[in-house]
Amino acid sequence: MIRVAVIGCGYWGPKLLRNFFSIESCRVVALADLDPQKLSSISPRYPGVDLCTDPSEVFKRKDVDAVAIATPISTHYHLALEALEHGKHVLVEKPMTSKADEGKHLVEVAHNKGLTLMVDHTFLYTSAVKKIKEMINNNELGDIYYFDSVRVNLGLFQHDVNVIWDLAPHDFSIMCYLVEEEPVSVQAVGACHIKYSDPPLENMAYVTINFDSGLIAHFHVNWLTPVKVRKILIGGSKKMLIYDDIQPDEKVKVYDKGVCVKSQEESYKILLQYRTGDAYVPMISQYEPLNLECRHFLECIETGKRPLTDGESGIQLVKLLEAADLSLKNEGRKIKYH
């Protein structure tokens, strides 16, 4: 029986709490948040869970084996480090840290102490993304030409990070999982139309990530759109697909479409032929991804296996965010990824 504590009662913390509370192989023993009102409002649903306004007290407890951290990004490094130093396994909300060097330190500490460090890249546990990964591994799409992502909505405006750090981690993590190739450069442009903070935070942005193979990944993130869009288009040499997370059932659609280049007998004549075949919707299982992720975290603690979303994947994502931020501050200059 793994004993778990949840740190943070904002938007994501209660979801983690609900899922861990429902799993038979663990017991939630403590819940921490700086706001006593948040604790008191949620506690009636979880009898037997101790409440605390100081996370440090949770880390010192002997009856806590693992912690799930769902707090603002700026606090992730210090909270995760303190938890690891007290011998606790850690699941931390994405992005793992606000600096790649901080993430590297957490990975080093976890490795030296033999502890599980896992990052909450929830979309990698969805059946839709798993299906797309299976198709890519089976070469059903062929060579990947582009990864085009749109994640936009009206709000919620964040007070500590810009729109890239808020929305792009979802699609960055999906891209890194599906594309087994290191990026070579990152470019980003953005704008702050609603000025509510000092310094101003960009509320819309476009990010482009380049690869040696010629693959281009493009991301549009925006807090200023009238509708909510969660869509990814992936184009391959054999097939193309659309992943629409807003759709309740047909989240993934595959299109047998493409372009073929054929030479005629005269060497100077090149013909382009457009292939239009069938479109189909693959079978997608229905389950809650966060529950699968929580179970995977517990399994990794028990067996010592490497998490799907381990600390290294967390570092990769933060490096992309840092590069995008640097490009943003330099008017879209191409930043080498390293």
Protein backbone atom coordinates (compact mmCIF):
# COMPACT_ATOMS: atom_id res chain seq x y z
CA MET A 1 0.00 0.00 0.00
CA ILE A 2 1.71 3.18 -1.24
CA ARG A 3 0.88 6.23 0.86
CA VAL A 4 0.41 9.40 -1.20
CA ALA A 5 0.16 13.09 -0.41
CA VAL A 6 -1.12 15.76 -2.81
CA ILE A 7 0.37 19.26 -2.76
CA GLY A 8 -1.87 21.97 -4.19
CA CYS A 9 -5.66 22.46 -4.26
CA GLY A 10 -6.01 24.71 -7.29
CA TYR A 11 -7.32 23.43 -10.63
CA TRP A 12 -5.35 20.20 -11.08
CA GLY A 13 -4.71 19.11 -7.49
CA PRO A 14 -8.31 18.01 -6.79
CA LYS A 15 -8.24 15.88 -9.98
CA LEU A 16 -5.10 14.11 -8.79
CA LEU A 17 -6.63 13.70 -5.35
CA ARG A 18 -9.81 12.14 -6.79
CA ASN A 19 -7.89 9.66 -8.93
CA PHE A 20 -5.42 8.55 -6.27
CA PHE A 21 -8.29 8.23 -3.80
CA SER A 22 -10.05 5.81 -6.17
CA ILE A 23 -7.06 3.47 -6.61
CA GLU A 24 -7.02 0.42 -4.35
CA SER A 25 -3.23 0.01 -4.28
CA CYS A 26 -2.61 3.36 -2.60
CA ARG A 27 -3.92 5.47 0.25
CA VAL A 28 -4.08 9.26 0.26
CA VAL A 29 -2.89 10.33 3.69
CA ALA A 30 -2.38 14.10 3.37
CA LEU A 31 -3.40 17.14 1.36
CA ALA A 32 -1.50 20.44 1.52
CA ASP A 33 -2.31 23.95 0.30
CA LEU A 34 -1.43 27.44 1.49
CA ASP A 35 -5.13 28.41 1.49
CA PRO A 36 -7.07 26.92 4.46
CA GLN A 37 -10.40 27.70 2.76
CA LYS A 38 -9.55 25.51 -0.23
CA LEU A 39 -8.62 22.69 2.13
CA SER A 40 -11.80 22.97 4.17
CA SER A 41 -14.00 23.08 1.05
CA ILE A 42 -12.58 19.86 -0.37
CA SER A 43 -11.99 17.83 2.81
CA PRO A 44 -15.58 16.57 3.36
CA ARG A 45 -15.30 14.43 0.21
CA TYR A 46 -12.13 12.71 1.44
CA PRO A 47 -12.52 11.51 5.03
CA GLY A 48 -9.35 10.40 6.74
CA VAL A 49 -7.06 12.67 4.71
CA ASP A 50 -5.01 15.00 6.91
CA LEU A 51 -4.99 18.69 5.95
CA CYS A 52 -1.93 20.89 6.09
CA THR A 53 -0.95 24.43 5.04
CA ASP A 54 2.80 23.76 5.07
CA PRO A 55 4.14 21.28 2.45
CA SER A 56 7.37 20.89 4.43
CA GLU A 57 5.40 19.17 7.18
CA VAL A 58 4.12 16.65 4.64
CA PHE A 59 7.63 15.89 3.34
CA LYS A 60 8.84 15.15 6.87
CA ARG A 61 6.10 12.62 7.58
CA LYS A 62 7.16 8.99 7.90
CA ASP A 63 3.79 7.77 6.60
CA VAL A 64 4.17 9.45 3.18
CA ASP A 65 5.89 7.46 0.42
CA ALA A 66 5.11 9.66 -2.58
CA VAL A 67 3.85 13.16 -3.36
CA ALA A 68 1.97 14.63 -6.31
CA ILE A 69 2.79 18.32 -6.81
CA ALA A 70 0.18 20.54 -8.50
CA THR A 71 1.30 24.08 -7.71
CA PRO A 72 2.45 27.12 -9.77
CA ILE A 73 5.43 26.45 -12.06
CA SER A 74 7.77 28.69 -10.08
CA THR A 75 7.39 26.43 -7.02
CA HIS A 76 7.92 23.06 -8.73
CA TYR A 77 11.70 22.86 -8.39
CA HIS A 78 11.93 23.73 -4.69
CA LEU A 79 8.98 21.54 -3.67
CA ALA A 80 10.13 18.56 -5.74
CA LEU A 81 13.71 18.91 -4.48
CA GLU A 82 12.59 19.01 -0.85
CA ALA A 83 10.39 15.98 -1.38
CA LEU A 84 13.20 13.99 -3.02
CA GLU A 85 15.66 14.96 -0.29
CA HIS A 86 13.20 13.51 2.24
CA GLY A 87 13.08 10.24 0.30
CA LYS A 88 9.69 10.72 -1.39
CA HIS A 89 8.81 9.62 -4.91
CA VAL A 90 7.55 12.59 -6.94
CA LEU A 91 4.91 13.21 -9.59
CA VAL A 92 5.11 16.86 -10.63
CA GLU A 93 2.73 18.82 -12.84
CA LYS A 94 4.07 20.03 -16.17
CA PRO A 95 6.23 21.91 -16.94
CA MET A 96 8.54 20.14 -14.51
CA THR A 97 10.54 23.29 -13.73
CA SER A 98 10.97 26.84 -15.00
CA LYS A 99 14.62 26.16 -15.98
CA ALA A 100 16.18 23.13 -17.67
CA ASP A 101 19.13 23.18 -15.25
CA GLU A 102 16.72 22.82 -12.34
CA GLY A 103 15.15 19.81 -14.04
CA LYS A 104 18.56 18.23 -14.56
CA HIS A 105 19.29 18.62 -10.86
CA LEU A 106 16.02 16.93 -9.91
CA VAL A 107 16.78 14.01 -12.23
CA GLU A 108 20.24 13.66 -10.69
CA VAL A 109 18.92 13.71 -7.11
CA ALA A 110 16.18 11.18 -7.91
CA HIS A 111 18.69 8.87 -9.60
CA ASN A 112 21.16 9.05 -6.72
CA LYS A 113 18.43 8.28 -4.19
CA GLY A 114 16.79 5.55 -6.27
CA LEU A 115 13.46 7.40 -6.38
CA THR A 116 10.82 7.70 -9.08
CA LEU A 117 10.52 11.15 -10.64
CA MET A 118 7.66 11.49 -13.09
CA VAL A 119 6.16 14.46 -14.95
CA ASP A 120 2.43 14.93 -15.45
CA HIS A 121 2.29 14.92 -19.28
CA THR A 122 -1.27 13.60 -19.20
CA PHE A 123 -1.95 13.61 -22.95
CA LEU A 124 0.60 10.83 -23.48
CA TYR A 125 -1.73 8.53 -21.55
CA THR A 126 -4.77 9.21 -23.75
CA SER A 127 -5.96 6.42 -26.02
CA ALA A 128 -5.96 8.82 -28.99
CA VAL A 129 -2.27 9.71 -28.68
CA LYS A 130 -1.39 6.07 -28.01
CA LYS A 131 -3.22 5.08 -31.21
CA ILE A 132 -1.35 7.72 -33.23
CA LYS A 133 1.95 6.49 -31.78
CA GLU A 134 1.05 2.93 -32.78
CA MET A 135 0.30 4.06 -36.33
CA ILE A 136 3.61 5.93 -36.62
CA ASN A 137 5.55 2.96 -35.23
CA ASN A 138 3.83 0.71 -37.81
CA ASN A 139 4.81 3.17 -40.57
CA GLU A 140 1.17 3.69 -41.56
CA LEU A 141 1.73 7.41 -42.11
CA GLY A 142 5.12 7.03 -43.78
CA ASP A 143 7.72 9.78 -43.39
CA ILE A 144 6.33 12.61 -41.25
CA TYR A 145 6.33 15.94 -43.10
CA TYR A 146 4.67 18.25 -40.60
CA PHE A 147 3.09 18.47 -37.14
CA ASP A 148 0.62 21.34 -36.96
CA SER A 149 -1.05 22.18 -33.65
CA VAL A 150 -3.73 24.69 -32.60
CA ARG A 151 -4.58 25.12 -28.90
CA VAL A 152 -6.64 28.28 -28.40
CA ASN A 153 -9.46 29.55 -26.17
CA LEU A 154 -10.73 32.66 -24.39
CA GLY A 155 -8.61 32.80 -21.22
CA LEU A 156 -7.67 31.77 -18.68
CA PHE A 157 -5.07 34.53 -18.40
CA GLN A 158 -2.20 33.47 -16.15
CA HIS A 159 -0.38 35.89 -13.86
CA ASP A 160 2.97 34.12 -13.66
CA VAL A 161 3.62 32.73 -17.17
CA ASN A 162 2.86 33.67 -20.77
CA VAL A 163 0.62 31.74 -23.14
CA ILE A 164 3.47 29.54 -24.42
CA TRP A 165 4.34 28.24 -20.95
CA ASP A 166 0.64 27.75 -20.18
CA LEU A 167 -0.71 26.02 -23.31
CA ALA A 168 2.22 24.79 -25.42
CA PRO A 169 3.50 22.13 -22.95
CA HIS A 170 0.55 19.89 -23.87
CA ASP A 171 1.38 19.80 -27.58
CA PHE A 172 5.16 19.94 -27.09
CA SER A 173 4.90 16.76 -25.02
CA ILE A 174 2.73 15.05 -27.67
CA MET A 175 5.19 16.01 -30.42
CA CYS A 176 8.22 14.80 -28.44
CA TYR A 177 6.46 11.48 -27.82
CA LEU A 178 5.39 10.93 -31.42
CA VAL A 179 8.50 12.26 -33.16
CA GLU A 180 11.57 10.29 -32.11
CA GLU A 181 13.99 12.91 -33.42
CA GLU A 182 15.85 15.71 -31.67
CA PRO A 183 14.82 19.24 -32.71
CA VAL A 184 17.54 21.48 -34.16
CA SER A 185 16.02 24.93 -33.71
CA VAL A 186 13.08 26.85 -32.27
CA GLN A 187 11.48 30.12 -33.37
CA ALA A 188 8.65 32.03 -31.72
CA VAL A 189 6.73 35.26 -32.23
CA GLY A 190 3.95 36.60 -30.06
CA ALA A 191 2.07 39.62 -28.82
CA CYS A 192 0.60 41.05 -25.63
CA HIS A 193 -2.68 42.74 -26.52
CA ILE A 194 -4.15 42.66 -23.00
CA LYS A 195 -1.67 44.26 -20.60
CA TYR A 196 -2.49 43.26 -17.04
CA SER A 197 0.92 42.39 -15.57
CA ASP A 198 4.39 43.84 -15.17
CA PRO A 199 6.27 42.80 -17.20
CA PRO A 200 3.58 42.18 -19.83
CA LEU A 201 2.92 38.53 -20.70
CA GLU A 202 2.26 37.40 -24.27
CA ASN A 203 -1.32 36.20 -24.70
CA MET A 204 -0.92 34.82 -28.23
CA ALA A 205 2.06 33.20 -29.94
CA TYR A 206 3.26 31.07 -32.83
CA VAL A 207 6.12 28.61 -32.34
CA THR A 208 8.01 26.72 -35.06
CA ILE A 209 10.31 23.78 -34.31
CA ASN A 210 12.65 22.48 -37.02
CA PHE A 211 14.25 19.05 -37.48
CA ASP A 212 17.16 17.78 -39.57
CA SER A 213 14.86 15.45 -41.50
CA GLY A 214 12.91 18.41 -42.87
CA LEU A 215 10.00 17.89 -40.51
CA ILE A 216 8.47 21.16 -39.33
CA ALA A 217 6.32 21.42 -36.20
CA HIS A 218 4.15 24.52 -35.80
CA PHE A 219 2.15 25.57 -32.74
CA HIS A 220 -0.52 28.26 -32.38
CA VAL A 221 -1.43 29.13 -28.78
CA ASN A 222 -3.83 31.91 -27.86
CA TRP A 223 -5.91 33.16 -24.93
CA LEU A 224 -7.91 35.56 -27.14
CA THR A 225 -10.12 33.44 -29.39
CA PRO A 226 -13.94 33.22 -29.31
CA VAL A 227 -13.93 29.42 -29.51
CA LYS A 228 -11.97 26.60 -27.92
CA VAL A 229 -9.87 24.59 -30.38
CA ARG A 230 -7.69 21.57 -29.58
CA LYS A 231 -6.52 20.20 -32.90
CA ILE A 232 -3.37 18.55 -34.30
CA LEU A 233 -2.73 17.77 -37.98
CA ILE A 234 0.01 15.32 -38.93
CA GLY A 235 1.00 14.88 -42.56
CA GLY A 236 2.95 11.88 -43.78
CA SER A 237 4.15 10.53 -47.12
CA LYS A 238 1.55 7.74 -46.99
CA LYS A 239 -1.37 9.08 -44.96
CA MET A 240 -2.45 12.10 -42.97
CA LEU A 241 -4.53 12.47 -39.83
CA ILE A 242 -6.39 14.96 -37.69
CA TYR A 243 -6.55 14.65 -33.91
CA ASP A 244 -9.39 16.77 -32.51
CA ASP A 245 -9.52 16.47 -28.74
CA ILE A 246 -12.78 18.43 -28.56
CA GLN A 247 -14.66 15.66 -30.37
CA PRO A 248 -16.35 13.30 -27.88
CA ASP A 249 -16.08 10.18 -30.06
CA GLU A 250 -14.26 10.59 -33.38
CA LYS A 251 -11.09 12.15 -31.97
CA VAL A 252 -8.77 10.73 -34.64
CA LYS A 253 -9.53 10.69 -38.38
CA VAL A 254 -7.09 9.16 -40.85
CA TYR A 255 -7.02 10.23 -44.50
CA ASP A 256 -5.51 8.14 -47.28
CA LYS A 257 -4.49 11.26 -49.19
CA GLY A 258 -1.20 12.49 -50.57
CA VAL A 259 0.90 13.60 -53.51
CA CYS A 260 2.88 11.31 -55.83
CA VAL A 261 5.68 12.46 -58.09
CA LYS A 262 6.09 10.55 -61.36
CA SER A 263 8.52 11.10 -64.22
CA GLN A 264 7.50 10.60 -67.83
CA GLU A 265 9.80 9.22 -70.47
CA GLU A 266 11.07 12.68 -71.26
CA SER A 267 13.35 13.45 -68.34
CA TYR A 268 12.33 17.09 -68.27
CA LYS A 269 8.68 16.28 -67.53
CA ILE A 270 7.60 15.70 -63.94
CA LEU A 271 4.00 14.86 -63.11
CA LEU A 272 2.32 15.44 -59.76
CA GLN A 273 -0.56 13.12 -59.00
CA TYR A 274 -2.92 13.69 -56.09
CA ARG A 275 -4.06 10.56 -54.29
CA THR A 276 -7.50 10.64 -52.69
CA GLY A 277 -8.47 7.47 -50.90
CA ASP A 278 -10.71 6.51 -48.02
CA ALA A 279 -10.96 8.25 -44.67
CA TYR A 280 -11.59 6.25 -41.54
CA VAL A 281 -11.89 6.61 -37.77
CA PRO A 282 -9.81 4.12 -35.76
CA MET A 283 -11.21 2.53 -32.63
CA ILE A 284 -10.30 4.57 -29.53
CA SER A 285 -10.73 3.16 -26.01
CA GLN A 286 -12.65 5.20 -23.46
CA TYR A 287 -10.96 5.76 -20.08
CA GLU A 288 -9.68 8.61 -17.94
CA PRO A 289 -6.02 9.28 -18.91
CA LEU A 290 -5.16 10.80 -15.53
CA ASN A 291 -6.26 7.63 -13.75
CA LEU A 292 -4.00 5.55 -16.01
CA GLU A 293 -1.17 7.99 -15.34
CA CYS A 294 -1.61 7.77 -11.56
CA ARG A 295 -1.62 3.97 -11.76
CA HIS A 296 1.53 4.08 -13.90
CA PHE A 297 3.24 6.27 -11.27
CA LEU A 298 2.40 3.76 -8.54
CA GLU A 299 3.54 0.85 -10.73
CA CYS A 300 6.89 2.54 -11.36
CA ILE A 301 7.36 3.04 -7.62
CA GLU A 302 6.61 -0.63 -6.94
CA THR A 303 8.69 -2.12 -9.76
CA GLY A 304 11.39 0.48 -10.29
CA LYS A 305 10.58 0.68 -14.01
CA ARG A 306 11.24 3.89 -15.93
CA PRO A 307 8.13 6.10 -16.30
CA LEU A 308 6.83 6.89 -19.76
CA THR A 309 6.97 10.56 -18.79
CA ASP A 310 10.19 10.54 -16.80
CA GLY A 311 12.40 13.43 -15.74
CA GLU A 312 14.34 13.37 -19.02
CA SER A 313 11.16 14.00 -21.00
CA GLY A 314 10.40 16.83 -18.58
CA ILE A 315 13.80 18.40 -19.27
CA GLN A 316 13.29 18.17 -23.04
CA LEU A 317 10.00 20.03 -22.77
CA VAL A 318 11.47 22.79 -20.57
CA LYS A 319 14.37 23.24 -23.02
CA LEU A 320 11.86 23.79 -25.82
CA LEU A 321 9.96 26.33 -23.69
CA GLU A 322 13.17 28.16 -22.80
CA ALA A 323 14.23 28.30 -26.46
CA ALA A 324 10.79 29.58 -27.50
CA ASP A 325 10.92 32.24 -24.78
CA LEU A 326 14.40 33.36 -25.86
CA SER A 327 13.28 33.60 -29.49
CA LEU A 328 10.20 35.53 -28.42
CA LYS A 329 12.37 38.08 -26.62
CA ASN A 330 14.59 38.40 -29.70
CA GLU A 331 11.85 39.12 -32.25
CA GLY A 332 11.60 35.60 -33.61
CA ARG A 333 15.32 34.84 -33.96
CA LYS A 334 16.05 31.16 -34.63
CA ILE A 335 17.42 29.55 -31.44
CA LYS A 336 19.51 26.37 -31.60
CA TYR A 337 18.14 23.52 -29.53
CA HIS A 338 20.80 21.84 -27.40
